[in-house]
N, C-alpha and C. Protein backbone atom coordinates (compact mmCIF):
# COMPACT_ATOMS: atom_id res chain seq x y z
N MET A 1 167.71 124.21 114.52
CA MET A 1 169.12 124.12 114.21
C MET A 1 169.73 122.86 114.80
N SER A 2 170.77 122.37 114.14
CA SER A 2 171.45 121.19 114.68
C SER A 2 172.54 121.63 115.65
N GLU A 3 172.80 120.77 116.62
CA GLU A 3 173.82 121.09 117.61
C GLU A 3 175.20 120.77 117.07
N ARG A 4 176.16 121.55 117.50
CA ARG A 4 177.55 121.28 117.11
C ARG A 4 178.06 120.10 117.92
N PRO A 5 178.93 119.27 117.30
CA PRO A 5 179.51 118.18 118.09
C PRO A 5 180.49 118.73 119.12
N ASP A 6 180.59 118.04 120.23
CA ASP A 6 181.53 118.41 121.28
C ASP A 6 182.95 118.21 120.78
N PRO A 7 183.84 119.22 120.90
CA PRO A 7 185.21 119.05 120.39
C PRO A 7 185.99 117.95 121.10
N GLU A 8 185.55 117.55 122.28
CA GLU A 8 186.24 116.50 123.02
C GLU A 8 185.71 115.10 122.67
N THR A 9 184.72 115.01 121.79
CA THR A 9 184.17 113.73 121.40
C THR A 9 185.19 112.97 120.57
N PRO A 10 185.46 111.72 120.90
CA PRO A 10 186.44 110.94 120.10
C PRO A 10 185.89 110.63 118.72
N PRO A 11 186.77 110.38 117.76
CA PRO A 11 186.32 110.03 116.42
C PRO A 11 185.61 108.67 116.43
N PRO A 12 184.79 108.41 115.41
CA PRO A 12 184.05 107.16 115.40
C PRO A 12 184.91 105.91 115.21
N ILE A 13 186.12 106.06 114.68
CA ILE A 13 187.02 104.91 114.51
C ILE A 13 188.37 105.21 115.14
N LEU A 14 189.08 104.20 115.55
CA LEU A 14 190.44 104.23 116.11
C LEU A 14 190.55 104.87 117.49
N GLY A 15 189.47 105.34 118.06
CA GLY A 15 189.48 105.76 119.45
C GLY A 15 189.95 107.17 119.76
N THR A 16 191.08 107.62 119.18
CA THR A 16 191.57 108.97 119.46
C THR A 16 191.91 109.67 118.15
N TRP A 17 191.90 111.00 118.22
CA TRP A 17 192.25 111.77 117.02
C TRP A 17 193.70 111.52 116.63
N ARG A 18 194.58 111.33 117.60
CA ARG A 18 195.99 111.06 117.30
C ARG A 18 196.12 109.79 116.46
N ASN A 19 195.39 108.74 116.84
CA ASN A 19 195.44 107.48 116.08
C ASN A 19 194.88 107.68 114.67
N LEU A 20 193.80 108.44 114.56
CA LEU A 20 193.20 108.68 113.26
C LEU A 20 194.15 109.44 112.34
N TYR A 21 194.77 110.52 112.87
CA TYR A 21 195.73 111.28 112.07
C TYR A 21 196.94 110.42 111.70
N GLY A 22 197.40 109.57 112.61
CA GLY A 22 198.51 108.67 112.30
C GLY A 22 198.16 107.71 111.18
N ALA A 23 196.93 107.20 111.20
CA ALA A 23 196.50 106.28 110.14
C ALA A 23 196.43 107.00 108.80
N VAL A 24 195.96 108.23 108.79
CA VAL A 24 195.88 108.99 107.54
C VAL A 24 197.27 109.26 106.99
N ILE A 25 198.21 109.65 107.85
CA ILE A 25 199.58 109.91 107.41
C ILE A 25 200.24 108.62 106.93
N GLY A 26 199.99 107.52 107.64
CA GLY A 26 200.53 106.22 107.21
C GLY A 26 199.98 105.80 105.86
N LEU A 27 198.69 106.00 105.65
CA LEU A 27 198.09 105.67 104.36
C LEU A 27 198.69 106.52 103.25
N LEU A 28 198.90 107.81 103.52
CA LEU A 28 199.52 108.68 102.53
C LEU A 28 200.93 108.18 102.17
N ALA A 29 201.70 107.78 103.18
CA ALA A 29 203.06 107.27 102.92
C ALA A 29 203.01 106.01 102.08
N VAL A 30 202.08 105.11 102.37
CA VAL A 30 201.94 103.88 101.58
C VAL A 30 201.58 104.21 100.14
N LEU A 31 200.68 105.16 99.93
CA LEU A 31 200.30 105.53 98.57
C LEU A 31 201.46 106.16 97.80
N VAL A 32 202.26 106.98 98.48
CA VAL A 32 203.42 107.58 97.82
C VAL A 32 204.38 106.49 97.36
N VAL A 33 204.67 105.53 98.23
CA VAL A 33 205.58 104.43 97.87
C VAL A 33 204.98 103.59 96.74
N LEU A 34 203.70 103.30 96.82
CA LEU A 34 203.03 102.52 95.78
C LEU A 34 203.08 103.21 94.43
N PHE A 35 202.76 104.50 94.41
CA PHE A 35 202.79 105.24 93.14
C PHE A 35 204.21 105.36 92.60
N TYR A 36 205.19 105.51 93.49
CA TYR A 36 206.59 105.54 93.06
C TYR A 36 206.97 104.21 92.41
N ALA A 37 206.58 103.10 93.04
CA ALA A 37 206.91 101.78 92.51
C ALA A 37 206.24 101.55 91.16
N VAL A 38 204.99 101.96 91.03
CA VAL A 38 204.29 101.79 89.74
C VAL A 38 204.94 102.64 88.66
N THR A 39 205.36 103.86 89.03
CA THR A 39 206.03 104.73 88.06
C THR A 39 207.34 104.14 87.60
N ARG A 40 208.13 103.58 88.53
CA ARG A 40 209.40 102.96 88.15
C ARG A 40 209.16 101.72 87.28
N TRP A 41 208.12 100.96 87.61
CA TRP A 41 207.81 99.75 86.85
C TRP A 41 207.34 100.09 85.44
N ALA A 42 206.57 101.14 85.28
CA ALA A 42 205.98 101.49 83.98
C ALA A 42 206.93 102.26 83.09
N SER A 43 208.02 102.77 83.63
CA SER A 43 208.91 103.57 82.77
C SER A 43 210.02 102.74 82.14
């Protein structure tokens, strides 16, 4: 069997889980604005 990862292990990128979640939320916000702009442009 494979071992479970330690829950205290930092993520492989950005150093902390807080930074990783912030980056994901920031990316989502950028995509929402981008899709809104494309929708306004195309209509």
